[in-house]
Protein backbone atom coordinates (compact mmCIF):
# COMPACT_ATOMS: atom_id res chain seq x y z
CA UNK A 1 19.79 -48.65 21.53
CA UNK A 2 21.62 -45.90 19.65
CA UNK A 3 18.98 -46.08 16.93
CA UNK A 4 16.26 -45.77 19.58
CA UNK A 5 17.96 -42.78 21.23
CA UNK A 6 18.47 -41.11 17.88
CA UNK A 7 14.81 -41.58 16.95
CA UNK A 8 13.71 -40.33 20.36
CA UNK A 9 15.92 -37.24 20.00
CA UNK A 10 14.52 -36.45 16.54
CA UNK A 11 10.95 -36.83 17.76
CA UNK A 12 11.67 -34.62 20.77
CA UNK A 13 13.20 -31.95 18.52
CA UNK A 14 10.21 -32.04 16.21
CA UNK A 15 7.89 -31.66 19.19
CA UNK A 16 9.88 -28.71 20.56
CA UNK A 17 9.89 -26.99 17.18
CA UNK A 18 6.15 -27.46 16.84
CA UNK A 19 5.57 -26.10 20.34
CA UNK A 20 7.96 -23.16 19.93
CA UNK A 21 6.29 -19.75 19.76
CA UNK A 22 8.48 -18.89 16.77
CA UNK A 23 6.76 -21.58 14.73
CA UNK A 24 3.48 -19.68 14.77
CA UNK A 25 4.68 -17.21 12.16
CA UNK A 26 3.62 -13.60 11.70
CA UNK A 27 -0.02 -12.56 11.73
CA UNK A 28 -1.85 -9.57 10.37
CA UNK A 29 -5.27 -8.01 10.09
CA UNK A 30 -6.59 -4.97 8.26
CA UNK A 31 -9.82 -2.96 8.03
CA UNK A 32 -11.19 0.40 6.87
CA UNK A 33 -13.97 2.70 8.07
CA UNK A 34 -15.51 5.74 6.42
CA UNK A 35 -14.85 8.96 8.38
CA UNK A 36 -16.39 11.39 5.90
CA UNK A 37 -18.51 13.83 7.98
CA UNK A 38 -22.14 12.84 7.99
CA UNK A 39 -23.21 16.49 7.86
CA UNK A 40 -21.76 19.48 6.03
CA UNK A 41 -19.43 21.17 8.51
CA UNK A 42 -16.46 23.57 8.65
CA UNK A 43 -13.42 22.61 6.59
CA UNK A 44 -9.89 22.76 7.93
CA UNK A 45 -6.60 23.53 6.18
CA UNK A 46 -6.88 27.19 5.23
CA UNK A 47 -7.75 30.13 7.45
CA UNK A 48 -9.32 31.96 4.52
CA UNK A 49 -12.24 29.53 4.62
CA UNK A 50 -13.54 31.33 7.72
CA UNK A 51 -15.43 28.29 9.01
CA UNK A 52 -17.27 27.76 5.74
CA UNK A 53 -18.77 24.33 5.25
CA UNK A 54 -17.77 21.79 2.64
CA UNK A 55 -20.15 21.98 -0.30
CA UNK A 56 -19.62 18.60 -1.96
CA UNK A 57 -17.53 15.44 -1.93
CA UNK A 58 -14.75 14.51 -4.32
CA UNK A 59 -13.65 11.38 -2.44
CA UNK A 60 -14.54 9.77 0.85
CA UNK A 61 -12.22 10.11 3.83
CA UNK A 62 -11.04 6.96 5.57
CA UNK A 63 -9.68 5.57 8.81
CA UNK A 64 -7.71 2.41 8.14
CA UNK A 65 -6.02 0.08 10.59
CA UNK A 66 -3.47 -2.69 10.24
CA UNK A 67 -2.50 -5.02 13.07
CA UNK A 68 0.89 -6.77 12.92
CA UNK A 69 1.95 -9.61 15.21
CA UNK A 70 5.37 -11.24 15.21
CA UNK A 71 6.36 -14.85 15.97
CA UNK A 72 6.37 -14.17 19.71
CA UNK A 73 2.95 -12.54 19.84
CA UNK A 74 4.12 -8.92 20.11
CA UNK A 75 1.68 -6.65 18.29
CA UNK A 76 1.62 -3.19 16.75
CA UNK A 77 -1.36 -1.25 15.42
CA UNK A 78 -1.04 1.45 12.76
CA UNK A 79 -4.04 3.68 12.08
CA UNK A 80 -3.95 5.99 9.06
CA UNK A 81 -6.39 8.88 8.80
CA UNK A 82 -7.39 11.12 5.88
CA UNK A 83 -7.35 14.21 8.08
CA UNK A 84 -5.47 17.51 8.52
CA UNK A 85 -4.13 16.17 11.83
CA UNK A 86 -5.16 15.01 15.26
CA UNK A 87 -4.85 16.94 18.52
CA UNK A 88 -3.32 15.60 21.72
CA UNK A 89 -6.62 15.25 23.59
CA UNK A 90 -8.32 13.23 20.86
CA UNK A 91 -5.22 11.10 20.32
CA UNK A 92 -4.90 10.28 24.02
CA UNK A 93 -8.56 9.32 24.36
CA UNK A 94 -8.50 7.11 21.25
CA UNK A 95 -5.32 5.34 22.34
CA UNK A 96 -6.63 4.72 25.86
CA UNK A 97 -9.68 3.00 24.43
CA UNK A 98 -7.62 0.88 22.03
CA UNK A 99 -5.18 -0.05 24.80
CA UNK A 100 -7.99 -1.16 27.08
CA UNK A 101 -9.84 -3.10 24.37
CA UNK A 102 -6.80 -5.04 23.14
CA UNK A 103 -4.47 -5.13 26.16
CA UNK A 104 -1.83 -2.96 24.51
CA UNK A 105 0.70 -0.45 25.80
CA UNK A 106 0.98 3.02 24.27
CA UNK A 107 4.10 2.15 22.28
CA UNK A 108 2.12 -0.45 20.31
CA UNK A 109 -0.18 2.15 18.70
CA UNK A 110 0.65 4.74 16.03
CA UNK A 111 -1.87 7.23 14.62
CA UNK A 112 -0.75 8.76 11.33
CA UNK A 113 -2.61 11.46 9.42
CA UNK A 114 -2.35 12.34 5.73
CA UNK A 115 -2.62 16.10 6.39
CA UNK A 116 -5.18 16.58 3.64
CA UNK A 117 -6.30 20.21 3.44
CA UNK A 118 -9.74 19.20 2.17
CA UNK A 119 -11.02 17.55 5.32
CA UNK A 120 -13.00 18.68 8.38
CA UNK A 121 -11.99 20.65 11.44
CA UNK A 122 -10.74 18.07 13.95
CA UNK A 123 -11.43 18.96 17.59
CA UNK A 124 -8.76 21.40 18.87
CA UNK A 125 -6.38 21.10 15.90
CA UNK A 126 -5.38 24.56 14.56
CA UNK A 127 -7.64 26.10 17.18
CA UNK A 128 -6.81 29.82 16.63
CA UNK A 129 -8.14 29.55 13.07
CA UNK A 130 -11.60 29.05 14.55
CA UNK A 131 -11.38 30.39 18.11
CA UNK A 132 -13.13 33.73 17.60
CA UNK A 133 -15.16 32.91 14.51
CA UNK A 134 -16.99 29.71 15.34
CA UNK A 135 -20.58 30.10 16.45
CA UNK A 136 -22.46 27.65 18.68
CA UNK A 137 -23.93 25.73 15.74
CA UNK A 138 -20.51 25.08 14.24
CA UNK A 139 -19.02 24.24 17.62
CA UNK A 140 -21.72 21.61 17.97
CA UNK A 141 -20.90 20.14 14.55
CA UNK A 142 -17.17 20.01 15.37
CA UNK A 143 -17.87 18.41 18.75
CA UNK A 144 -20.18 15.79 17.27
CA UNK A 145 -17.66 14.96 14.55
CA UNK A 146 -14.93 14.45 17.16
CA UNK A 147 -17.11 11.87 18.93
CA UNK A 148 -17.97 10.16 15.62
CA UNK A 149 -14.28 10.10 14.62
CA UNK A 150 -13.17 8.61 17.92
CA UNK A 151 -15.74 5.84 17.68
CA UNK A 152 -14.87 5.06 14.07
CA UNK A 153 -11.16 4.76 14.88
CA UNK A 154 -11.82 2.42 17.79
CA UNK A 155 -14.23 0.38 15.66
CA UNK A 156 -11.81 0.04 12.73
CA UNK A 157 -9.10 -1.28 15.05
CA UNK A 158 -11.60 -3.78 16.43
CA UNK A 159 -12.38 -4.86 12.86
CA UNK A 160 -8.68 -5.26 12.03
CA UNK A 161 -8.30 -7.54 15.06
CA UNK A 162 -11.21 -9.65 13.85
CA UNK A 163 -9.29 -10.07 10.57
CA UNK A 164 -6.11 -11.18 12.38
CA UNK A 165 -4.65 -14.33 10.85
CA UNK A 166 -1.53 -15.87 9.37
CA UNK A 167 0.22 -13.37 7.12
CA UNK A 168 3.44 -12.67 5.29
CA UNK A 169 4.97 -9.19 5.32
CA UNK A 170 7.45 -7.90 2.76
CA UNK A 171 8.98 -4.48 2.34
CA UNK A 172 10.71 -2.35 -0.27
CA UNK A 173 10.81 1.22 -1.58
CA UNK A 174 10.14 3.27 -4.67
CA UNK A 175 10.54 6.85 -5.85
CA UNK A 176 8.16 9.70 -6.72
CA UNK A 177 9.46 13.13 -7.66
CA UNK A 178 6.58 15.63 -7.47
CA UNK A 179 7.41 16.87 -3.94
CA UNK A 180 9.23 20.21 -4.12
CA UNK A 181 10.84 22.29 -1.38
CA UNK A 182 8.52 25.28 -1.09
CA UNK A 183 10.98 27.38 0.93
CA UNK A 184 13.55 27.39 -1.87
CA UNK A 185 11.47 27.44 -5.05
CA UNK A 186 8.93 30.01 -6.21
CA UNK A 187 5.79 28.13 -7.20
CA UNK A 188 5.42 29.86 -10.57
CA UNK A 189 9.02 28.96 -11.47
CA UNK A 190 8.79 25.26 -10.63
CA UNK A 191 7.84 23.88 -14.08
CA UNK A 192 10.79 25.68 -15.68
CA UNK A 193 13.19 24.76 -12.88
CA UNK A 194 12.09 21.11 -12.92
CA UNK A 195 12.56 20.86 -16.68
CA UNK A 196 16.06 22.32 -16.34
CA UNK A 197 16.87 20.07 -13.36
CA UNK A 198 17.50 23.13 -11.19
CA UNK A 199 15.05 22.72 -8.31
CA UNK A 200 16.61 23.89 -5.06
CA UNK A 201 16.50 22.82 -1.43
CA UNK A 202 16.48 19.48 0.40
CA UNK A 203 13.77 16.95 -0.44
CA UNK A 204 12.97 13.29 0.10
CA UNK A 205 11.48 11.34 -2.79
CA UNK A 206 11.51 7.89 -1.15
CA UNK A 207 8.30 5.84 -1.15
CA UNK A 208 8.48 3.18 1.59
CA UNK A 209 6.23 0.17 0.95
CA UNK A 210 4.98 -2.59 3.26
CA UNK A 211 2.97 -5.41 1.73
CA UNK A 212 0.81 -7.87 3.66
CA UNK A 213 -0.29 -11.10 2.01
CA UNK A 214 -2.77 -13.60 3.39
CA UNK A 215 -3.28 -16.95 1.66
CA UNK A 216 -0.99 -15.71 -1.10
CA UNK A 217 -3.13 -12.68 -1.93
CA UNK A 218 -2.30 -9.03 -1.21
CA UNK A 219 -4.57 -7.83 1.59
CA UNK A 220 -2.83 -4.59 2.63
CA UNK A 221 -0.50 -2.07 1.03
CA UNK A 222 1.08 0.45 3.42
CA UNK A 223 3.03 3.33 1.88
CA UNK A 224 4.32 6.79 2.70
CA UNK A 225 5.56 9.97 1.04
CA UNK A 226 7.00 13.25 2.31
CA UNK A 227 4.85 15.95 0.75
CA UNK A 228 2.11 18.34 1.86
CA UNK A 229 -1.42 17.34 0.87
CA UNK A 230 -2.18 20.75 -0.60
CA UNK A 231 -2.85 20.01 -4.26
CA UNK A 232 -6.47 21.00 -3.70
CA UNK A 233 -8.08 23.97 -1.95
CA UNK A 234 -11.70 23.57 -3.07
CA UNK A 235 -14.71 23.18 -0.77
CA UNK A 236 -14.96 19.44 -1.46
CA UNK A 237 -14.09 16.61 0.88
CA UNK A 238 -11.13 14.68 -0.47
CA UNK A 239 -7.98 12.83 0.54
CA UNK A 240 -5.96 14.87 -1.99
CA UNK A 241 -3.18 13.02 -3.86
CA UNK A 242 -2.81 10.48 -1.04
CA UNK A 243 -6.49 9.65 -1.28
CA UNK A 244 -6.28 9.17 -5.03
CA UNK A 245 -3.18 7.00 -4.62
CA UNK A 246 -5.07 4.76 -2.20
CA UNK A 247 -7.95 4.44 -4.67
CA UNK A 248 -5.50 3.51 -7.46
CA UNK A 249 -3.84 0.85 -5.32
CA UNK A 250 -7.11 -0.68 -4.15
CA UNK A 251 -8.09 -0.98 -7.82
CA UNK A 252 -4.69 -2.52 -8.61
CA UNK A 253 -5.02 -5.05 -5.78
CA UNK A 254 -8.74 -5.97 -5.58
CA UNK A 255 -9.83 -6.78 -2.06
CA UNK A 256 -6.81 -5.11 -0.48
CA UNK A 257 -6.75 -2.06 1.79
CA UNK A 258 -4.26 0.70 0.95
CA UNK A 259 -2.99 2.79 3.87
CA UNK A 260 -1.17 6.09 3.31
CA UNK A 261 0.97 7.89 5.87
CA UNK A 262 2.61 11.28 5.40
CA UNK A 263 6.37 11.63 5.76
CA UNK A 264 8.39 14.61 6.98
CA UNK A 265 7.01 16.93 4.32
CA UNK A 266 6.37 20.06 6.37
CA UNK A 267 8.30 22.19 3.88
CA UNK A 268 7.43 20.19 0.73
CA UNK A 269 4.57 20.94 -1.67
CA UNK A 270 3.11 19.11 -4.68
CA UNK A 271 3.93 21.59 -7.41
CA UNK A 272 2.29 22.73 -9.61
CA UNK A 273 -1.10 22.31 -7.93
CA UNK A 274 -4.73 23.54 -7.49
CA UNK A 275 -6.52 21.26 -9.96
CA UNK A 276 -8.29 17.92 -9.57
CA UNK A 277 -6.38 16.64 -12.61
CA UNK A 278 -3.06 17.31 -10.87
CA UNK A 279 -4.21 15.66 -7.63
CA UNK A 280 -5.22 12.55 -9.58
CA UNK A 281 -1.96 12.62 -11.55
CA UNK A 282 0.16 12.80 -8.39
CA UNK A 283 -1.92 10.00 -6.93
CA UNK A 284 -1.26 7.87 -10.02
CA UNK A 285 2.45 8.63 -9.90
CA UNK A 286 2.66 7.68 -6.24
CA UNK A 287 0.64 4.50 -6.78
CA UNK A 288 2.84 3.59 -9.76
CA UNK A 289 5.93 3.93 -7.57
CA UNK A 290 4.34 1.58 -5.03
CA UNK A 291 3.34 -1.01 -7.64
CA UNK A 292 6.80 -0.89 -9.18
CA UNK A 293 8.33 -1.56 -5.77
CA UNK A 294 6.04 -4.56 -5.18
CA UNK A 295 7.11 -6.09 -8.48
CA UNK A 296 10.79 -5.74 -7.62
CA UNK A 297 12.66 -7.93 -5.15
CA UNK A 298 10.74 -7.26 -1.95
CA UNK A 299 12.40 -8.24 1.34
CA UNK A 300 10.63 -10.60 3.74
CA UNK A 301 10.08 -9.19 7.22
CA UNK A 302 11.91 -11.56 9.55
CA UNK A 303 12.85 -11.25 13.19
CA UNK A 304 11.02 -9.52 16.01
CA UNK A 305 8.62 -6.62 16.09
CA UNK A 306 9.76 -4.06 18.68
CA UNK A 307 7.93 -0.89 19.69
CA UNK A 308 9.05 2.12 21.77
CA UNK A 309 7.31 5.41 22.60
CA UNK A 310 8.08 8.41 24.74
CA UNK A 311 7.06 12.02 25.16
CA UNK A 312 9.97 14.42 25.50
CA UNK A 313 9.79 17.93 26.94
CA UNK A 314 10.28 20.08 23.85
CA UNK A 315 11.32 23.55 24.96
CA UNK A 316 9.77 26.75 23.73
CA UNK A 317 11.56 30.09 23.51
CA UNK A 318 10.80 32.83 26.07
CA UNK A 319 7.09 32.86 26.86
CA UNK A 320 5.08 36.08 26.50
CA UNK A 321 3.96 37.84 29.66
CA UNK A 322 0.31 38.54 30.38
CA UNK A 323 0.93 42.17 29.43
CA UNK A 324 2.41 41.09 26.10
CA UNK A 325 -0.61 38.89 25.44
CA UNK A 326 -2.91 41.82 26.14
CA UNK A 327 -0.94 43.89 23.64
CA UNK A 328 -1.12 41.08 21.07
CA UNK A 329 -4.90 40.94 21.54
CA UNK A 330 -5.04 44.43 19.99
CA UNK A 331 -3.20 43.36 16.82
CA UNK A 332 -4.60 43.99 13.35
CA UNK A 333 -3.86 40.32 12.60
CA UNK A 334 -6.98 38.29 13.43
CA UNK A 335 -5.03 35.10 14.19
CA UNK A 336 -2.60 36.81 16.56
CA UNK A 337 -5.64 38.22 18.35
CA UNK A 338 -7.26 34.78 18.51
CA UNK A 339 -4.12 33.16 19.91
CA UNK A 340 -3.64 35.91 22.49
CA UNK A 341 -7.26 35.76 23.67
CA UNK A 342 -7.11 31.98 23.83
CA UNK A 343 -4.13 32.14 26.20
CA UNK A 344 -5.66 34.99 28.21
CA UNK A 345 -8.81 32.92 28.64
CA UNK A 346 -6.68 29.98 29.79
CA UNK A 347 -4.86 32.19 32.31
CA UNK A 348 -8.17 33.47 33.62
CA UNK A 349 -9.24 29.85 34.10
CA UNK A 350 -6.09 29.13 36.10
CA UNK A 351 -4.19 27.34 33.31
CA UNK A 352 -0.61 28.58 33.19
CA UNK A 353 1.43 28.48 29.98
CA UNK A 354 4.04 25.74 29.94
CA UNK A 355 7.67 26.26 28.95
CA UNK A 356 7.69 22.83 27.31
CA UNK A 357 5.41 20.66 25.19
CA UNK A 358 5.07 16.85 25.67
CA UNK A 359 6.27 15.87 22.19
CA UNK A 360 5.58 12.29 21.01
CA UNK A 361 8.36 10.19 19.48
CA UNK A 362 7.79 6.56 18.50
CA UNK A 363 10.21 4.07 16.99
CA UNK A 364 9.31 0.60 15.72
CA UNK A 365 11.72 -2.10 14.62
CA UNK A 366 9.91 -4.01 11.90
CA UNK A 367 11.84 -7.24 12.00
CA UNK A 368 15.59 -7.20 11.54
CA UNK A 369 15.82 -4.57 8.83
CA UNK A 370 13.27 -1.73 8.97
CA UNK A 371 13.33 1.14 11.48
CA UNK A 372 10.09 3.10 11.45
CA UNK A 373 10.13 6.51 13.14
CA UNK A 374 6.90 8.37 13.96
CA UNK A 375 7.10 12.06 14.91
CA UNK A 376 4.37 14.44 15.95
CA UNK A 377 3.68 17.74 14.21
CA UNK A 378 4.47 19.06 10.76
CA UNK A 379 8.06 17.87 10.55
CA UNK A 380 10.39 19.44 7.97
CA UNK A 381 12.45 17.33 5.58
CA UNK A 382 15.77 17.88 7.39
CA UNK A 383 14.72 15.34 10.04
CA UNK A 384 14.12 12.54 7.54
CA UNK A 385 17.42 13.20 5.81
CA UNK A 386 19.35 13.26 9.09
CA UNK A 387 17.63 10.25 10.66
CA UNK A 388 18.07 8.14 7.53
CA UNK A 389 21.71 9.17 7.34
CA UNK A 390 22.43 8.31 10.96
CA UNK A 391 20.31 5.16 11.38
CA UNK A 392 20.08 3.74 7.88
CA UNK A 393 21.90 0.74 6.45
CA UNK A 394 23.76 2.15 3.47
CA UNK A 395 24.41 -1.35 2.13
CA UNK A 396 20.67 -1.99 1.65
CA UNK A 397 19.40 -1.43 -1.87
CA UNK A 398 16.07 -0.23 -0.49
CA UNK A 399 15.58 2.52 2.09
CA UNK A 400 15.25 0.78 5.46
CA UNK A 401 14.56 3.80 7.68
CA UNK A 402 11.03 5.18 7.32
CA UNK A 403 10.21 8.61 8.73
CA UNK A 404 6.59 9.55 9.34
CA UNK A 405 5.46 13.01 10.42
CA UNK A 406 1.95 14.16 11.38
CA UNK A 407 1.71 11.26 13.83
CA UNK A 408 0.03 10.87 17.24
CA UNK A 409 -0.31 14.64 17.86
CA UNK A 410 -0.14 17.47 15.32
CA UNK A 411 0.54 20.43 17.59
CA UNK A 412 2.73 22.69 15.40
CA UNK A 413 5.39 22.78 12.73
CA UNK A 414 8.61 21.06 13.79
CA UNK A 415 11.52 22.99 12.26
CA UNK A 416 15.11 21.82 12.21
CA UNK A 417 17.61 24.23 13.75
CA UNK A 418 18.38 25.49 10.25
CA UNK A 419 14.76 26.28 9.49
CA UNK A 420 14.20 27.74 12.97
CA UNK A 421 17.08 30.18 12.50
CA UNK A 422 15.94 31.06 8.96
CA UNK A 423 12.46 31.80 10.33
CA UNK A 424 9.60 32.23 7.91
CA UNK A 425 6.37 30.28 8.04
CA UNK A 426 7.69 26.85 9.06
CA UNK A 427 10.20 28.31 11.49
CA UNK A 428 8.10 30.96 13.20
CA UNK A 429 4.76 32.37 12.05
CA UNK A 430 2.96 29.01 11.74
CA UNK A 431 3.02 28.77 15.55
CA UNK A 432 0.30 31.44 15.59
CA UNK A 433 -2.20 29.21 13.79
CA UNK A 434 -1.46 26.26 16.05
CA UNK A 435 -1.88 28.38 19.18
CA UNK A 436 1.61 27.84 20.54
CA UNK A 437 2.56 30.93 22.60
CA UNK A 438 5.93 31.43 20.90
CA UNK A 439 8.50 29.68 18.69
CA UNK A 440 10.52 26.60 19.64
CA UNK A 441 13.85 26.97 21.39
CA UNK A 442 17.12 26.25 19.51
CA UNK A 443 17.19 22.86 21.31
CA UNK A 444 14.30 21.54 19.21
CA UNK A 445 16.25 19.42 16.72
CA UNK A 446 18.75 17.85 19.12
CA UNK A 447 16.04 17.05 21.67
CA UNK A 448 14.06 15.09 19.07
CA UNK A 449 17.06 13.40 17.47
CA UNK A 450 18.34 12.32 20.89
CA UNK A 451 14.95 10.76 21.60
CA UNK A 452 14.92 8.88 18.27
CA UNK A 453 18.41 7.52 18.91
CA UNK A 454 17.58 6.57 22.48
CA UNK A 455 14.48 4.62 21.47
CA UNK A 456 16.28 2.98 18.57
CA UNK A 457 19.17 1.94 20.83
CA UNK A 458 16.76 0.21 23.20
CA UNK A 459 15.66 -2.05 20.34
CA UNK A 460 19.15 -3.51 20.12
CA UNK A 461 19.48 -4.18 23.84
């Protein structure tokens, strides 16, 4: 009888284990879609281009999507884009379509851009650069590209879902050192300062790596780096160093898709720069760091996938009055004029300026070890350093807090309090080109950090 009961108990346990949702294991799917403009159209990135069209193509631009699903069926979708950024309106429309198609909530989707400066104008991103200069023909091209882009993003997510199957995820990190703090180092002095080991200012040289294997073969390589994509300024479509790094990795791992996301590199530049050779070299160095990490002791992703998202009211400083906008519209600075007239046109249409901006913050727990933070805008390096210091596991050999900028909505630079008080381009004048009516309030850093901590805390509850 005891033997019978023991056998029955073992069979019952085996049945329960087989039926348990945790026995299904993790799943993943990946896909890529070409988002290179189908017609020559205005390039983004530099106001000096004055709505000039791209003249040739150095590399294609890509939308890439990876779907991750944990043992319990919870999913997350990351989309990486070789673009200068994405505006709130486009982001919201894309996410609504993805949510509806795949029964997701907003926290399960992250859109990350590479911030390449050799890509097209994207809808309303950096609007004052084009507000007064763009003629009807160019407006039509920009509008048509926005529709094409939206459809390609939705389609690539659909394709990644079709690829969904049993997968193993591992993570690690590497190092690449070409990012340099542009606020603290004169570009012409960088080679000498680097050789002497005297580069100044905060920086983040971590290269987070996520590897997906299916049937034992690498099918996706996800990696990030905190540095501006400004190696190139030519009139050629390209993904800059991030694009070249993706090409290198897809050659290294045949059949795999490489996905690049930009970190908090708002005040970091690839220096020296301005040549194709340098862009390719930085791409090789970044890819080498990734490959080196994959050949080290990668950590298996175990535990649950958790996703959180919120939009916090990020306060601006004192808003300009209508009279002040009228005065600004008479400025000798074309971009100040464009911003002022844009807001005056909005006021005339009954759209009041808001004292706050709905700023997106997203935090994913990738299993038991990795915390992945996605912030909107051009985030400066101080955020990555602080978030890693406050959330990171200092006992881990690899960096287990990943900080992405340029995600979900690229509405402006996001300075830390230090950078805001110092002023300069990242702290003040860049707001002109993004069309924000004034600078951020001194609450900017603490508001965002509080949101990150709040979302991260919910993961542990």
